[in-house]
């Protein structure tokens, strides 16, 4: 049975409401990959959940030996992340959770509109989340996938709508996002100011939990997502071929047939090479960037997740690569 899709302003709000719907209680533990964006911690902290990390390998699949060795007493659920819209081994995760009687929480924030084996990514777990704003370039937009039997209208209505002034500001942002030349000018003007060697440069700030505006909801609903996904897959392959010829190693060599990738990721030799390519992109107004903004505990630990961050270069799938030439 297909799940309901409930829209919020952000995927982190969708995650919070989804966990509340499943009955998460303060003090319970939740398994989260160590290589993740810091903002996923925001709703978990708000709900009083204790994060227990599991490690991922170079190809961003779990270190199953380490994951299987974890003590799951007091664990509420496990988060699975479809990095950059590429599906994980969902059946194996599902078996892991069922064997331990814990919830499977599916994070498809990087791949809104993608599917796997004929089913929308985000709809395999007990709950799932996605982030249409990343794919469709809206200022806000998060989705919660949940079984109709678990749907709690009271929890959804408890999330307020944007008040008048924030709604006006957001509408202006929405219009800016729709005008690509203005949007790109403002984005690249901002991006040039960052220190890309600083792991705290893009730390996410806390934001209010709200429901999605009617105009963004209508825009998302009207999007021709299959065509958008096909175009993004083509850009993914073009960038894979381009940067592979420049000596970089793609995290994934191939892409799922019906995915809708947010970005393509590569490993560089070190942070200096990564920063070189980010600067190269800025000079050409091409969106190359670093991801993720790691949680503070992972930055301080300086373990495997931090080392991946130092080497990982991402390309937003908005523009094709330039004509092959000796750019370096």
Protein backbone atom coordinates (compact mmCIF):
# COMPACT_ATOMS: atom_id res chain seq x y z
CA UNK A 1 0.00 0.00 0.00
CA UNK A 2 1.38 3.40 -0.99
CA UNK A 3 2.01 5.90 1.74
CA UNK A 4 0.64 9.41 2.10
CA UNK A 5 2.91 12.32 1.17
CA UNK A 6 2.59 15.17 3.69
CA UNK A 7 4.30 18.44 2.86
CA UNK A 8 6.26 20.69 5.21
CA UNK A 9 8.69 23.53 4.74
CA UNK A 10 11.74 21.36 5.41
CA UNK A 11 12.65 17.67 5.43
CA UNK A 12 13.86 18.01 9.02
CA UNK A 13 10.34 19.03 10.05
CA UNK A 14 8.98 16.02 8.16
CA UNK A 15 11.42 13.83 10.09
CA UNK A 16 10.36 15.29 13.42
CA UNK A 17 6.65 14.77 12.75
CA UNK A 18 7.29 11.29 11.40
CA UNK A 19 9.21 10.24 14.49
CA UNK A 20 6.51 11.70 16.72
CA UNK A 21 3.91 9.72 14.77
CA UNK A 22 5.83 6.50 15.37
CA UNK A 23 5.94 7.32 19.08
CA UNK A 24 9.58 8.27 19.64
CA UNK A 25 10.25 9.11 23.29
CA UNK A 26 13.06 11.11 24.95
CA UNK A 27 15.97 8.93 25.98
CA UNK A 28 15.53 6.40 23.20
CA UNK A 29 18.42 5.77 20.83
CA UNK A 30 18.46 6.14 17.07
CA UNK A 31 21.08 4.77 14.67
CA UNK A 32 22.41 7.37 12.23
CA UNK A 33 25.34 7.10 9.81
CA UNK A 34 28.34 9.12 10.98
CA UNK A 35 28.64 10.66 7.51
CA UNK A 36 25.60 12.91 7.44
CA UNK A 37 24.56 16.55 7.41
CA UNK A 38 24.41 18.24 10.79
CA UNK A 39 20.79 19.35 10.33
CA UNK A 40 19.52 15.78 10.68
CA UNK A 41 20.53 16.06 14.34
CA UNK A 42 18.24 19.06 14.89
CA UNK A 43 14.89 17.20 15.16
CA UNK A 44 16.55 14.28 16.95
CA UNK A 45 17.88 16.62 19.63
CA UNK A 46 14.52 18.38 19.89
CA UNK A 47 12.83 15.05 20.56
CA UNK A 48 15.43 14.06 23.13
CA UNK A 49 16.75 11.09 21.15
CA UNK A 50 20.28 9.81 21.65
CA UNK A 51 22.24 9.43 18.42
CA UNK A 52 24.31 6.27 18.00
CA UNK A 53 26.47 6.40 14.88
CA UNK A 54 27.32 3.62 12.49
CA UNK A 55 30.10 3.89 9.92
CA UNK A 56 29.85 3.88 6.14
CA UNK A 57 32.44 2.71 3.65
CA UNK A 58 34.03 4.60 0.75
CA UNK A 59 31.01 3.80 -1.46
CA UNK A 60 28.73 5.13 1.32
CA UNK A 61 27.19 1.76 2.09
CA UNK A 62 27.19 0.68 5.74
CA UNK A 63 30.05 -1.15 7.35
CA UNK A 64 27.72 -4.07 8.01
CA UNK A 65 30.13 -5.84 10.36
CA UNK A 66 30.25 -2.76 12.59
CA UNK A 67 26.51 -2.11 12.28
CA UNK A 68 25.58 -5.70 13.12
CA UNK A 69 27.86 -5.60 16.17
CA UNK A 70 26.04 -2.63 17.75
CA UNK A 71 23.98 -3.19 20.88
CA UNK A 72 20.43 -2.23 19.87
CA UNK A 73 18.89 -2.33 23.36
CA UNK A 74 16.86 0.86 23.75
CA UNK A 75 17.16 1.68 20.03
CA UNK A 76 14.00 3.13 18.49
CA UNK A 77 14.97 3.07 14.83
CA UNK A 78 17.70 3.17 12.21
CA UNK A 79 18.16 5.91 9.61
CA UNK A 80 19.09 4.88 6.08
CA UNK A 81 20.39 7.63 3.77
CA UNK A 82 20.14 7.39 -0.01
CA UNK A 83 23.22 9.52 -0.59
CA UNK A 84 22.87 11.81 -3.61
CA UNK A 85 19.69 9.95 -4.57
CA UNK A 86 21.43 6.58 -5.02
CA UNK A 87 19.40 3.76 -3.35
CA UNK A 88 20.94 1.78 -0.53
CA UNK A 89 20.38 -1.96 -0.11
CA UNK A 90 16.85 -1.43 1.19
CA UNK A 91 15.97 -5.08 1.67
CA UNK A 92 19.06 -5.71 3.77
CA UNK A 93 18.26 -2.68 5.93
CA UNK A 94 14.68 -3.83 6.27
CA UNK A 95 15.82 -7.28 7.40
CA UNK A 96 18.24 -5.69 9.88
CA UNK A 97 15.44 -3.62 11.45
CA UNK A 98 12.85 -6.39 11.47
CA UNK A 99 15.26 -8.78 13.20
CA UNK A 100 15.75 -6.23 15.98
CA UNK A 101 12.16 -4.95 16.09
CA UNK A 102 13.16 -1.37 15.38
CA UNK A 103 11.78 1.16 12.89
CA UNK A 104 13.34 1.80 9.50
CA UNK A 105 13.58 5.54 8.80
CA UNK A 106 14.32 6.29 5.15
CA UNK A 107 16.08 9.55 4.29
CA UNK A 108 15.75 10.37 0.59
CA UNK A 109 16.44 14.09 0.96
CA UNK A 110 18.88 13.83 -1.96
CA UNK A 111 16.60 12.14 -4.45
CA UNK A 112 13.05 13.48 -4.54
CA UNK A 113 11.14 11.94 -7.43
CA UNK A 114 13.43 8.93 -7.77
CA UNK A 115 12.22 5.34 -7.60
CA UNK A 116 13.60 1.87 -7.06
CA UNK A 117 12.02 -1.32 -8.37
CA UNK A 118 8.95 0.66 -9.39
CA UNK A 119 8.40 2.25 -5.97
CA UNK A 120 9.07 5.84 -4.91
CA UNK A 121 12.19 6.23 -2.78
CA UNK A 122 11.08 7.29 0.68
CA UNK A 123 8.17 4.84 0.72
CA UNK A 124 10.09 1.71 1.73
CA UNK A 125 10.66 2.55 5.40
CA UNK A 126 8.21 2.79 8.27
CA UNK A 127 8.48 6.49 7.52
CA UNK A 128 10.42 8.30 4.83
CA UNK A 129 11.42 11.85 4.12
CA UNK A 130 12.47 13.76 1.03
CA UNK A 131 13.43 17.29 0.04
CA UNK A 132 11.79 18.48 -3.19
CA UNK A 133 13.36 21.92 -2.76
CA UNK A 134 16.79 20.43 -3.56
CA UNK A 135 15.58 19.02 -6.87
CA UNK A 136 13.04 21.63 -7.95
CA UNK A 137 14.89 24.73 -6.70
CA UNK A 138 12.27 26.17 -4.38
CA UNK A 139 13.16 28.05 -1.23
CA UNK A 140 11.25 25.56 0.93
CA UNK A 141 9.85 22.08 0.52
CA UNK A 142 10.04 18.88 2.58
CA UNK A 143 7.98 15.69 2.34
CA UNK A 144 6.98 13.01 4.83
CA UNK A 145 5.91 9.58 3.60
CA UNK A 146 3.79 7.73 6.11
CA UNK A 147 1.23 4.93 6.19
CA UNK A 148 -2.34 6.16 6.21
CA UNK A 149 -3.00 4.02 9.29
CA UNK A 150 -0.28 5.98 11.17
CA UNK A 151 -1.33 9.42 9.97
CA UNK A 152 -2.12 11.77 12.85
CA UNK A 153 -3.81 14.95 11.63
CA UNK A 154 -3.38 16.54 15.06
CA UNK A 155 0.42 16.30 14.83
CA UNK A 156 0.39 17.78 11.35
CA UNK A 157 -1.94 20.64 12.30
CA UNK A 158 0.26 21.37 15.32
CA UNK A 159 2.94 22.54 12.86
CA UNK A 160 2.03 26.18 12.14
CA UNK A 161 1.75 27.82 8.76
CA UNK A 162 4.11 30.64 7.87
CA UNK A 163 2.94 33.91 9.39
CA UNK A 164 2.28 36.90 7.13
CA UNK A 165 5.70 38.62 6.99
CA UNK A 166 7.81 35.41 6.68
CA UNK A 167 5.40 34.24 3.99
CA UNK A 168 5.93 37.47 1.99
CA UNK A 169 9.72 37.14 2.35
CA UNK A 170 9.56 33.53 1.28
CA UNK A 171 7.42 34.40 -1.74
CA UNK A 172 10.09 36.86 -2.88
CA UNK A 173 12.73 34.13 -2.46
CA UNK A 174 10.52 31.77 -4.44
CA UNK A 175 10.41 34.27 -7.32
CA UNK A 176 14.19 34.72 -7.17
CA UNK A 177 14.67 30.94 -7.37
CA UNK A 178 12.52 30.92 -10.49
CA UNK A 179 14.73 33.52 -12.21
CA UNK A 180 17.92 31.59 -12.88
CA UNK A 181 20.24 34.51 -13.84
CA UNK A 182 19.41 36.47 -10.67
CA UNK A 183 19.55 33.34 -8.52
CA UNK A 184 22.95 32.30 -9.88
CA UNK A 185 24.36 35.81 -9.46
CA UNK A 186 23.31 35.97 -5.80
CA UNK A 187 24.42 32.42 -5.03
CA UNK A 188 27.89 32.74 -6.53
CA UNK A 189 28.41 36.15 -4.96
CA UNK A 190 27.75 34.49 -1.60
CA UNK A 191 29.76 31.34 -2.26
CA UNK A 192 32.93 33.26 -3.04
CA UNK A 193 33.08 34.47 0.56
CA UNK A 194 33.42 31.05 2.19
CA UNK A 195 36.52 29.30 3.48
CA UNK A 196 36.11 25.81 2.06
CA UNK A 197 38.77 24.41 4.38
CA UNK A 198 36.59 25.27 7.38
CA UNK A 199 34.35 22.31 8.33
CA UNK A 200 32.02 24.74 10.13
CA UNK A 201 31.58 27.06 7.13
CA UNK A 202 28.18 25.64 6.17
CA UNK A 203 26.88 24.54 9.56
CA UNK A 204 23.09 24.58 9.38
CA UNK A 205 21.19 27.01 11.56
CA UNK A 206 18.05 26.05 13.42
CA UNK A 207 14.86 26.99 11.58
CA UNK A 208 11.25 27.13 12.62
CA UNK A 209 9.02 24.18 11.83
CA UNK A 210 6.23 25.22 9.47
CA UNK A 211 3.93 23.76 6.86
CA UNK A 212 4.55 24.42 3.20
CA UNK A 213 3.11 27.49 1.48
CA UNK A 214 0.30 26.91 -1.01
CA UNK A 215 2.26 28.35 -3.97
CA UNK A 216 5.28 26.12 -3.40
CA UNK A 217 3.02 23.14 -2.82
CA UNK A 218 1.26 23.82 -6.13
CA UNK A 219 4.58 24.28 -7.93
CA UNK A 220 5.93 20.99 -6.59
CA UNK A 221 2.73 19.15 -7.50
CA UNK A 222 2.86 20.49 -11.07
CA UNK A 223 6.51 19.58 -11.69
CA UNK A 224 7.14 17.10 -14.50
CA UNK A 225 9.36 15.05 -12.25
CA UNK A 226 10.01 12.19 -14.69
CA UNK A 227 11.44 14.59 -17.28
CA UNK A 228 13.42 16.42 -14.59
CA UNK A 229 14.86 13.12 -13.34
CA UNK A 230 15.84 12.06 -16.85
CA UNK A 231 17.62 15.39 -17.42
CA UNK A 232 19.47 15.14 -14.10
CA UNK A 233 20.61 11.60 -14.88
CA UNK A 234 22.03 12.86 -18.18
CA UNK A 235 23.93 15.65 -16.38
CA UNK A 236 25.17 13.10 -13.82
CA UNK A 237 26.69 10.97 -16.56
CA UNK A 238 28.18 13.98 -18.36
CA UNK A 239 29.90 15.18 -15.17
CA UNK A 240 31.05 11.66 -14.29
CA UNK A 241 32.77 11.33 -17.64
CA UNK A 242 34.19 14.86 -17.54
CA UNK A 243 35.76 14.80 -14.09
CA UNK A 244 36.85 11.18 -14.34
CA UNK A 245 38.98 12.27 -17.31
CA UNK A 246 40.44 14.94 -15.03
CA UNK A 247 41.59 12.24 -12.60
CA UNK A 248 38.84 12.34 -9.98
CA UNK A 249 37.09 9.20 -8.70
CA UNK A 250 33.27 9.13 -8.61
CA UNK A 251 31.80 7.79 -5.39
CA UNK A 252 29.35 5.78 -7.53
CA UNK A 253 30.44 4.47 -10.91
CA UNK A 254 26.87 3.95 -12.10
CA UNK A 255 23.47 5.45 -11.42
CA UNK A 256 20.16 3.72 -10.74
CA UNK A 257 17.86 3.61 -13.76
CA UNK A 258 15.00 5.62 -12.26
CA UNK A 259 16.79 7.79 -9.74
CA UNK A 260 16.57 11.57 -9.53
CA UNK A 261 20.01 12.59 -8.21
CA UNK A 262 20.58 15.86 -6.38
CA UNK A 263 24.31 15.88 -7.14
CA UNK A 264 27.22 13.72 -8.20
CA UNK A 265 30.08 13.17 -5.75
CA UNK A 266 33.78 12.52 -6.35
CA UNK A 267 36.75 11.75 -4.17
CA UNK A 268 39.78 14.01 -4.49
CA UNK A 269 43.30 13.18 -3.32
CA UNK A 270 43.05 15.65 -0.45
CA UNK A 271 41.35 18.85 0.68
CA UNK A 272 43.69 21.01 -1.41
CA UNK A 273 42.64 19.29 -4.61
CA UNK A 274 39.00 19.57 -3.57
CA UNK A 275 39.37 23.30 -2.94
CA UNK A 276 41.11 23.71 -6.29
CA UNK A 277 38.08 22.29 -8.08
CA UNK A 278 35.63 24.34 -6.05
CA UNK A 279 37.55 27.48 -7.02
CA UNK A 280 37.61 26.26 -10.64
CA UNK A 281 33.83 25.98 -10.51
CA UNK A 282 33.35 29.39 -8.91
CA UNK A 283 35.42 31.02 -11.66
CA UNK A 284 33.11 29.47 -14.26
CA UNK A 285 29.91 29.92 -12.25
CA UNK A 286 29.53 26.16 -12.04
CA UNK A 287 28.15 24.81 -8.76
CA UNK A 288 30.89 22.60 -7.31
CA UNK A 289 30.69 22.33 -3.54
CA UNK A 290 31.60 20.38 -0.42
CA UNK A 291 29.14 18.16 1.48
CA UNK A 292 28.14 17.53 4.18
CA UNK A 293 28.30 20.07 6.97
CA UNK A 294 29.12 17.39 9.50
CA UNK A 295 27.72 17.26 13.04
CA UNK A 296 30.06 18.81 15.57
CA UNK A 297 30.88 15.49 17.23
CA UNK A 298 32.16 14.09 13.93
CA UNK A 299 34.28 17.19 13.27
CA UNK A 300 35.85 16.94 16.71
CA UNK A 301 36.40 13.21 16.33
CA UNK A 302 38.24 13.68 13.03
CA UNK A 303 37.54 10.07 12.12
CA UNK A 304 36.44 8.39 8.91
CA UNK A 305 33.51 10.74 8.32
CA UNK A 306 35.72 13.82 8.63
CA UNK A 307 38.31 12.34 6.27
CA UNK A 308 35.59 11.70 3.69
CA UNK A 309 34.45 15.31 4.04
CA UNK A 310 37.99 16.53 3.40
CA UNK A 311 38.16 14.64 0.10
CA UNK A 312 34.60 14.78 -1.22
CA UNK A 313 33.73 17.14 -4.06
CA UNK A 314 30.12 17.47 -5.23
CA UNK A 315 28.62 18.89 -8.39
CA UNK A 316 25.06 20.21 -8.37
CA UNK A 317 23.21 18.94 -11.44
CA UNK A 318 22.17 22.28 -12.84
CA UNK A 319 24.53 22.94 -15.77
CA UNK A 320 26.52 20.67 -18.09
CA UNK A 321 30.31 20.61 -17.85
CA UNK A 322 32.21 22.98 -20.13
CA UNK A 323 33.64 21.75 -23.41
CA UNK A 324 36.53 19.43 -22.77
CA UNK A 325 39.64 21.55 -22.74
CA UNK A 326 42.85 21.97 -20.79
CA UNK A 327 41.34 24.02 -17.99
CA UNK A 328 44.06 23.26 -15.46
